[in-house]
Each structure stands twice: as structure tokens, then as C-alpha cells.
N, C-alpha and C. Protein backbone atom coordinates (compact mmCIF):
# COMPACT_ATOMS: atom_id res chain seq x y z
N MET A 1 0.85 -1.18 0.00
CA MET A 1 0.00 0.00 0.00
C MET A 1 0.89 1.24 0.00
N PHE A 2 0.51 2.25 -0.72
CA PHE A 2 1.30 3.47 -0.78
C PHE A 2 0.38 4.68 -0.72
N PHE A 3 0.96 5.80 -0.33
CA PHE A 3 0.22 7.06 -0.25
C PHE A 3 0.82 8.04 -1.23
N MET A 4 -0.04 8.77 -1.91
CA MET A 4 0.42 9.85 -2.76
C MET A 4 0.10 11.15 -2.04
N MET A 5 1.14 11.88 -1.69
CA MET A 5 0.93 13.14 -1.01
C MET A 5 1.94 14.15 -1.51
N GLY A 6 1.62 15.41 -1.30
CA GLY A 6 2.52 16.46 -1.72
C GLY A 6 2.24 17.75 -0.98
N ILE A 7 3.25 18.59 -0.92
CA ILE A 7 3.13 19.91 -0.31
C ILE A 7 3.45 20.93 -1.39
N THR A 8 2.51 21.84 -1.62
CA THR A 8 2.70 22.86 -2.65
C THR A 8 2.27 24.22 -2.13
N ASP A 9 2.71 25.25 -2.81
CA ASP A 9 2.29 26.61 -2.51
C ASP A 9 1.16 26.98 -3.46
N GLY A 10 0.24 27.77 -2.95
CA GLY A 10 -0.89 28.20 -3.79
C GLY A 10 -1.17 29.67 -3.63
N ARG A 11 -2.02 30.14 -4.50
CA ARG A 11 -2.43 31.54 -4.48
C ARG A 11 -3.90 31.60 -4.86
N LYS A 12 -4.67 32.38 -4.12
CA LYS A 12 -6.09 32.50 -4.38
C LYS A 12 -6.48 33.97 -4.42
N GLU A 13 -7.14 34.37 -5.50
CA GLU A 13 -7.65 35.73 -5.62
C GLU A 13 -8.91 35.84 -4.77
N LEU A 14 -9.02 36.89 -3.96
CA LEU A 14 -10.19 37.10 -3.12
C LEU A 14 -11.06 38.19 -3.73
N LYS A 15 -12.37 38.07 -3.54
CA LYS A 15 -13.30 39.07 -4.08
C LYS A 15 -13.33 40.28 -3.17
N HIS A 16 -12.83 41.39 -3.70
CA HIS A 16 -12.85 42.66 -2.96
C HIS A 16 -12.77 43.78 -3.99
N HIS A 17 -13.69 44.73 -3.90
CA HIS A 17 -13.72 45.85 -4.84
C HIS A 17 -13.67 47.15 -4.05
N GLN A 18 -12.55 47.85 -4.19
CA GLN A 18 -12.38 49.15 -3.52
C GLN A 18 -11.59 50.05 -4.45
N VAL A 19 -12.18 51.14 -4.88
CA VAL A 19 -11.51 52.10 -5.75
C VAL A 19 -10.71 53.06 -4.87
N VAL A 20 -9.47 53.32 -5.25
CA VAL A 20 -8.57 54.17 -4.46
C VAL A 20 -7.78 55.09 -5.38
N ILE A 21 -7.23 56.13 -4.79
CA ILE A 21 -6.22 56.94 -5.45
C ILE A 21 -4.89 56.45 -4.88
N CYS A 22 -4.04 55.94 -5.74
CA CYS A 22 -2.80 55.30 -5.33
C CYS A 22 -1.85 56.31 -4.67
N ASN A 23 -1.30 55.95 -3.54
CA ASN A 23 -0.32 56.79 -2.84
C ASN A 23 1.00 56.84 -3.60
N ARG A 24 1.27 55.82 -4.38
CA ARG A 24 2.56 55.74 -5.05
C ARG A 24 2.58 56.49 -6.39
N CYS A 25 1.55 56.27 -7.24
CA CYS A 25 1.58 56.89 -8.57
C CYS A 25 0.56 58.01 -8.73
N GLY A 26 -0.41 58.12 -7.80
CA GLY A 26 -1.39 59.18 -7.85
C GLY A 26 -2.56 58.93 -8.80
N ALA A 27 -2.62 57.76 -9.42
CA ALA A 27 -3.69 57.44 -10.37
C ALA A 27 -4.83 56.71 -9.65
N TYR A 28 -5.99 56.69 -10.31
CA TYR A 28 -7.11 55.89 -9.81
C TYR A 28 -6.82 54.42 -10.09
N GLY A 29 -7.19 53.58 -9.15
CA GLY A 29 -7.00 52.15 -9.32
C GLY A 29 -7.88 51.39 -8.35
N GLN A 30 -7.71 50.10 -8.31
CA GLN A 30 -8.43 49.25 -7.38
C GLN A 30 -7.43 48.41 -6.60
N TYR A 31 -7.88 47.95 -5.44
CA TYR A 31 -7.10 46.99 -4.67
C TYR A 31 -7.51 45.59 -5.11
N ALA A 32 -6.56 44.81 -5.58
CA ALA A 32 -6.78 43.40 -5.89
C ALA A 32 -6.18 42.61 -4.74
N VAL A 33 -7.02 41.91 -3.99
CA VAL A 33 -6.58 41.19 -2.79
C VAL A 33 -6.38 39.72 -3.15
N PHE A 34 -5.25 39.15 -2.68
CA PHE A 34 -5.01 37.73 -2.88
C PHE A 34 -4.35 37.13 -1.64
N MET A 35 -4.46 35.82 -1.53
CA MET A 35 -3.92 35.09 -0.39
C MET A 35 -2.92 34.06 -0.92
N THR A 36 -1.79 33.93 -0.25
CA THR A 36 -0.86 32.85 -0.56
C THR A 36 -0.90 31.87 0.61
N TYR A 37 -0.62 30.60 0.32
CA TYR A 37 -0.69 29.57 1.35
C TYR A 37 0.13 28.37 0.93
N THR A 38 0.36 27.47 1.88
CA THR A 38 0.98 26.19 1.63
C THR A 38 -0.07 25.13 1.93
N VAL A 39 -0.14 24.10 1.11
CA VAL A 39 -1.19 23.09 1.26
C VAL A 39 -0.61 21.68 1.19
N LEU A 40 -1.13 20.80 2.04
CA LEU A 40 -0.80 19.38 2.02
C LEU A 40 -1.92 18.67 1.29
N SER A 41 -1.57 17.91 0.26
CA SER A 41 -2.57 17.17 -0.53
C SER A 41 -2.32 15.68 -0.39
N LEU A 42 -3.40 14.93 -0.21
CA LEU A 42 -3.35 13.47 -0.20
C LEU A 42 -4.18 12.98 -1.38
N PHE A 43 -3.55 12.20 -2.24
CA PHE A 43 -4.20 11.72 -3.45
C PHE A 43 -4.82 12.88 -4.24
N PHE A 44 -4.08 13.98 -4.36
CA PHE A 44 -4.46 15.17 -5.13
C PHE A 44 -5.64 15.93 -4.54
N ILE A 45 -6.02 15.62 -3.30
CA ILE A 45 -7.09 16.34 -2.62
C ILE A 45 -6.47 17.22 -1.55
N PRO A 46 -6.66 18.56 -1.62
CA PRO A 46 -6.10 19.44 -0.59
C PRO A 46 -6.74 19.15 0.77
N CYS A 47 -5.90 18.87 1.76
CA CYS A 47 -6.40 18.48 3.08
C CYS A 47 -6.14 19.53 4.16
N PHE A 48 -5.01 20.20 4.10
CA PHE A 48 -4.63 21.09 5.19
C PHE A 48 -3.86 22.28 4.63
N LYS A 49 -4.32 23.50 4.95
CA LYS A 49 -3.63 24.73 4.51
C LYS A 49 -3.01 25.40 5.72
N TRP A 50 -1.82 25.96 5.52
CA TRP A 50 -1.18 26.74 6.56
C TRP A 50 -0.32 27.82 5.90
N ASN A 51 0.28 28.66 6.73
CA ASN A 51 1.14 29.74 6.25
C ASN A 51 0.37 30.71 5.35
N ARG A 52 -0.86 31.04 5.75
CA ARG A 52 -1.67 31.98 4.96
C ARG A 52 -1.16 33.40 5.13
N GLN A 53 -0.97 34.06 4.03
CA GLN A 53 -0.57 35.46 4.04
C GLN A 53 -1.45 36.20 3.04
N TYR A 54 -1.80 37.42 3.39
CA TYR A 54 -2.72 38.21 2.56
C TYR A 54 -1.96 39.40 1.98
N PHE A 55 -2.22 39.67 0.69
CA PHE A 55 -1.55 40.75 -0.01
C PHE A 55 -2.57 41.57 -0.80
N VAL A 56 -2.19 42.81 -1.08
CA VAL A 56 -3.00 43.71 -1.91
C VAL A 56 -2.10 44.22 -3.02
N ARG A 57 -2.62 44.18 -4.26
CA ARG A 57 -1.90 44.73 -5.40
C ARG A 57 -2.75 45.82 -6.01
N THR A 58 -2.15 46.97 -6.27
CA THR A 58 -2.90 48.05 -6.91
C THR A 58 -2.95 47.79 -8.41
N THR A 59 -4.10 48.08 -9.02
CA THR A 59 -4.26 47.81 -10.45
C THR A 59 -3.62 48.89 -11.32
N CYS A 60 -3.30 50.04 -10.74
CA CYS A 60 -2.73 51.13 -11.54
C CYS A 60 -1.24 50.94 -11.78
N CYS A 61 -0.46 50.70 -10.73
CA CYS A 61 1.00 50.60 -10.88
C CYS A 61 1.56 49.27 -10.37
N ASN A 62 0.67 48.34 -10.00
CA ASN A 62 1.06 47.00 -9.54
C ASN A 62 1.93 46.98 -8.30
N THR A 63 1.79 47.97 -7.44
CA THR A 63 2.50 47.97 -6.16
C THR A 63 1.85 46.94 -5.25
N VAL A 64 2.67 46.16 -4.53
CA VAL A 64 2.15 45.10 -3.67
C VAL A 64 2.37 45.47 -2.22
N TYR A 65 1.34 45.23 -1.41
CA TYR A 65 1.38 45.50 0.02
C TYR A 65 1.00 44.22 0.77
N ARG A 66 1.60 44.03 1.94
CA ARG A 66 1.16 42.96 2.84
C ARG A 66 -0.03 43.51 3.61
N LEU A 67 -1.09 42.72 3.68
CA LEU A 67 -2.33 43.14 4.33
C LEU A 67 -2.39 42.58 5.74
N ASN A 68 -2.92 43.37 6.67
CA ASN A 68 -3.12 42.93 8.04
C ASN A 68 -3.89 41.60 8.01
N PRO A 69 -3.39 40.54 8.69
CA PRO A 69 -4.03 39.22 8.62
C PRO A 69 -5.49 39.21 9.08
N GLU A 70 -5.83 40.02 10.07
CA GLU A 70 -7.21 40.05 10.55
C GLU A 70 -8.15 40.59 9.45
N ILE A 71 -7.72 41.64 8.76
CA ILE A 71 -8.51 42.20 7.66
C ILE A 71 -8.60 41.19 6.52
N GLY A 72 -7.50 40.51 6.23
CA GLY A 72 -7.49 39.49 5.18
C GLY A 72 -8.45 38.35 5.47
N ARG A 73 -8.48 37.88 6.71
CA ARG A 73 -9.42 36.80 7.08
C ARG A 73 -10.87 37.25 6.91
N ARG A 74 -11.14 38.51 7.28
CA ARG A 74 -12.51 39.02 7.13
C ARG A 74 -12.91 39.11 5.66
N ILE A 75 -11.99 39.54 4.80
CA ILE A 75 -12.27 39.60 3.37
C ILE A 75 -12.48 38.18 2.81
N GLU A 76 -11.66 37.22 3.27
CA GLU A 76 -11.78 35.83 2.82
C GLU A 76 -13.15 35.25 3.19
N LYS A 77 -13.69 35.66 4.33
CA LYS A 77 -15.01 35.18 4.77
C LYS A 77 -16.14 35.84 4.00
N GLY A 78 -15.84 36.88 3.22
CA GLY A 78 -16.85 37.54 2.40
C GLY A 78 -17.38 38.84 2.99
N GLU A 79 -16.78 39.31 4.09
CA GLU A 79 -17.23 40.57 4.69
C GLU A 79 -16.83 41.75 3.80
N ASP A 80 -17.64 42.80 3.85
CA ASP A 80 -17.34 44.02 3.10
C ASP A 80 -16.50 44.93 4.00
N VAL A 81 -15.20 44.92 3.79
CA VAL A 81 -14.25 45.64 4.64
C VAL A 81 -13.58 46.72 3.81
N GLU A 82 -13.40 47.90 4.40
CA GLU A 82 -12.64 48.96 3.74
C GLU A 82 -11.19 48.86 4.19
N ILE A 83 -10.28 48.79 3.23
CA ILE A 83 -8.85 48.70 3.53
C ILE A 83 -8.31 50.11 3.68
N CYS A 84 -7.69 50.38 4.83
CA CYS A 84 -7.09 51.68 5.11
C CYS A 84 -5.57 51.58 5.01
N GLU A 85 -4.91 52.72 4.96
CA GLU A 85 -3.45 52.74 4.84
C GLU A 85 -2.75 52.04 6.00
N GLU A 86 -3.33 52.11 7.20
CA GLU A 86 -2.69 51.48 8.36
C GLU A 86 -2.77 49.95 8.31
N HIS A 87 -3.58 49.40 7.40
CA HIS A 87 -3.68 47.95 7.24
C HIS A 87 -2.63 47.41 6.27
N LEU A 88 -1.90 48.31 5.60
CA LEU A 88 -0.98 47.92 4.53
C LEU A 88 0.47 48.16 4.90
N GLN A 89 1.34 47.27 4.42
CA GLN A 89 2.79 47.42 4.57
C GLN A 89 3.41 47.09 3.21
N ARG A 90 4.10 48.05 2.63
CA ARG A 90 4.67 47.87 1.28
C ARG A 90 5.69 46.74 1.27
N VAL A 91 5.67 45.96 0.19
CA VAL A 91 6.55 44.80 0.06
C VAL A 91 7.28 44.91 -1.28
N ASP A 92 8.56 44.57 -1.30
CA ASP A 92 9.27 44.43 -2.57
C ASP A 92 8.86 43.10 -3.16
N TRP A 93 8.12 43.14 -4.25
CA TRP A 93 7.55 41.94 -4.84
C TRP A 93 7.98 41.88 -6.28
N THR A 94 8.67 40.82 -6.64
CA THR A 94 9.03 40.65 -8.04
C THR A 94 8.07 39.67 -8.66
N GLY A 95 7.66 39.93 -9.86
CA GLY A 95 6.72 39.06 -10.53
C GLY A 95 7.26 37.66 -10.76
N SER A 96 8.58 37.46 -10.64
CA SER A 96 9.16 36.15 -10.89
C SER A 96 8.99 35.21 -9.71
N CYS A 97 8.45 35.69 -8.58
CA CYS A 97 8.26 34.81 -7.43
C CYS A 97 7.23 33.72 -7.73
N TYR A 98 6.24 34.05 -8.52
CA TYR A 98 5.17 33.11 -8.84
C TYR A 98 5.10 32.91 -10.34
N LYS A 99 4.92 31.67 -10.72
CA LYS A 99 4.66 31.35 -12.12
C LYS A 99 3.24 30.85 -12.21
N ARG A 100 2.50 31.34 -13.19
CA ARG A 100 1.10 30.93 -13.38
C ARG A 100 0.97 30.33 -14.78
N CYS A 101 0.39 29.13 -14.82
CA CYS A 101 0.18 28.43 -16.08
C CYS A 101 -0.92 29.13 -16.86
N GLY A 102 -0.66 29.44 -18.12
CA GLY A 102 -1.65 30.09 -18.97
C GLY A 102 -2.75 29.13 -19.40
N ASN A 103 -2.51 27.83 -19.28
CA ASN A 103 -3.50 26.85 -19.72
C ASN A 103 -4.50 26.50 -18.61
N CYS A 104 -4.00 26.11 -17.42
CA CYS A 104 -4.89 25.65 -16.35
C CYS A 104 -4.97 26.61 -15.17
N GLY A 105 -4.09 27.63 -15.10
CA GLY A 105 -4.13 28.60 -14.01
C GLY A 105 -3.36 28.19 -12.77
N PHE A 106 -2.67 27.05 -12.79
CA PHE A 106 -1.90 26.60 -11.64
C PHE A 106 -0.78 27.60 -11.34
N THR A 107 -0.60 27.92 -10.05
CA THR A 107 0.41 28.88 -9.62
C THR A 107 1.42 28.18 -8.74
N THR A 108 2.71 28.48 -8.95
CA THR A 108 3.75 27.86 -8.15
C THR A 108 4.91 28.83 -7.94
N THR A 109 5.68 28.58 -6.89
CA THR A 109 6.89 29.37 -6.65
C THR A 109 8.12 28.63 -7.18
N GLU A 110 7.95 27.38 -7.57
CA GLU A 110 9.06 26.58 -8.08
C GLU A 110 9.46 27.05 -9.47
N ASP A 111 10.69 26.74 -9.87
CA ASP A 111 11.19 27.17 -11.17
C ASP A 111 11.02 26.04 -12.19
N PHE A 112 9.76 25.62 -12.41
CA PHE A 112 9.47 24.58 -13.38
C PHE A 112 9.47 25.15 -14.78
N GLU A 113 9.83 24.32 -15.74
CA GLU A 113 9.73 24.71 -17.14
C GLU A 113 8.37 24.31 -17.70
N TYR A 114 7.78 23.25 -17.13
CA TYR A 114 6.46 22.76 -17.53
C TYR A 114 5.55 22.73 -16.33
N CYS A 115 4.26 22.95 -16.55
CA CYS A 115 3.26 22.94 -15.48
C CYS A 115 3.13 21.53 -14.91
N PRO A 116 3.25 21.37 -13.57
CA PRO A 116 3.11 20.03 -12.98
C PRO A 116 1.67 19.51 -13.02
N LYS A 117 0.68 20.36 -13.27
CA LYS A 117 -0.72 19.90 -13.32
C LYS A 117 -1.13 19.43 -14.70
N CYS A 118 -0.84 20.26 -15.74
CA CYS A 118 -1.35 19.92 -17.07
C CYS A 118 -0.26 19.60 -18.09
N GLY A 119 1.00 19.88 -17.76
CA GLY A 119 2.11 19.54 -18.65
C GLY A 119 2.44 20.58 -19.71
N GLN A 120 1.71 21.68 -19.76
CA GLN A 120 2.00 22.74 -20.73
C GLN A 120 3.25 23.52 -20.31
N ARG A 121 3.95 24.06 -21.28
CA ARG A 121 5.15 24.87 -21.01
C ARG A 121 4.71 26.21 -20.41
N PHE A 122 5.41 26.68 -19.35
CA PHE A 122 5.08 27.96 -18.72
C PHE A 122 5.38 29.10 -19.65
């Protein structure tokens, strides 16, 4: 008997719509909220998530901020929360940290040449 299990990193876009004037570029934009996490999967079924972190990306200049975890949890539950400046901490975020498959949408931090889910080239 054998078990198939794996630990992977994931990213989930959260539903949140808030129009803002960006502090960095001065343009109108929106906050796009997302959560990163690590997940343990057994037989390809996600069983346990940990290391949840919440981030906000502005749609105007793509600046990324770390979001207060309490506010992030409330947004994840579907509450209508207004994000204030004191909830945000600017982060140096390079787009190369995450790779997203254009075919199936799988996101990973690993430096794969091919998607581990569908086999398409990144």
C-alpha cells in the first residue's frame, strides 16, 4: 500500500472591490486582494492549509502590500471591509516569485519549465 501526497504553494484571488487613489503613482485604481498559502494534498485532494498570508496589489501601478491578517481573514469570509493605509505594509515583490500556467491557471513558486498539473510549457 502506498500514499500519494505532496506539499505545494498556492495563491487564491479574493473578491474585494475598492476604488482608491494610489499613494505611489497618484492614479485611480483598485485593490486586488489575494492570499498565498501552503497546502498538504493526499491523493491530489487538498487536506490542510497553513502559512496563509494576505496581499494587496494596486491595479494602476502593480504595487504590492502585505495586508493585516485580521482584515485578510474578514475579506476571505466575504465581509465588506474597507482597507485603510494602516492595514498595509509595502513589500518588494518581483513578478518572478510566482509562475502561473496560462493553460490551467496553476500557480507555483518553483522554477518549473512545464506545469506540474497539465504539462504545458510555462
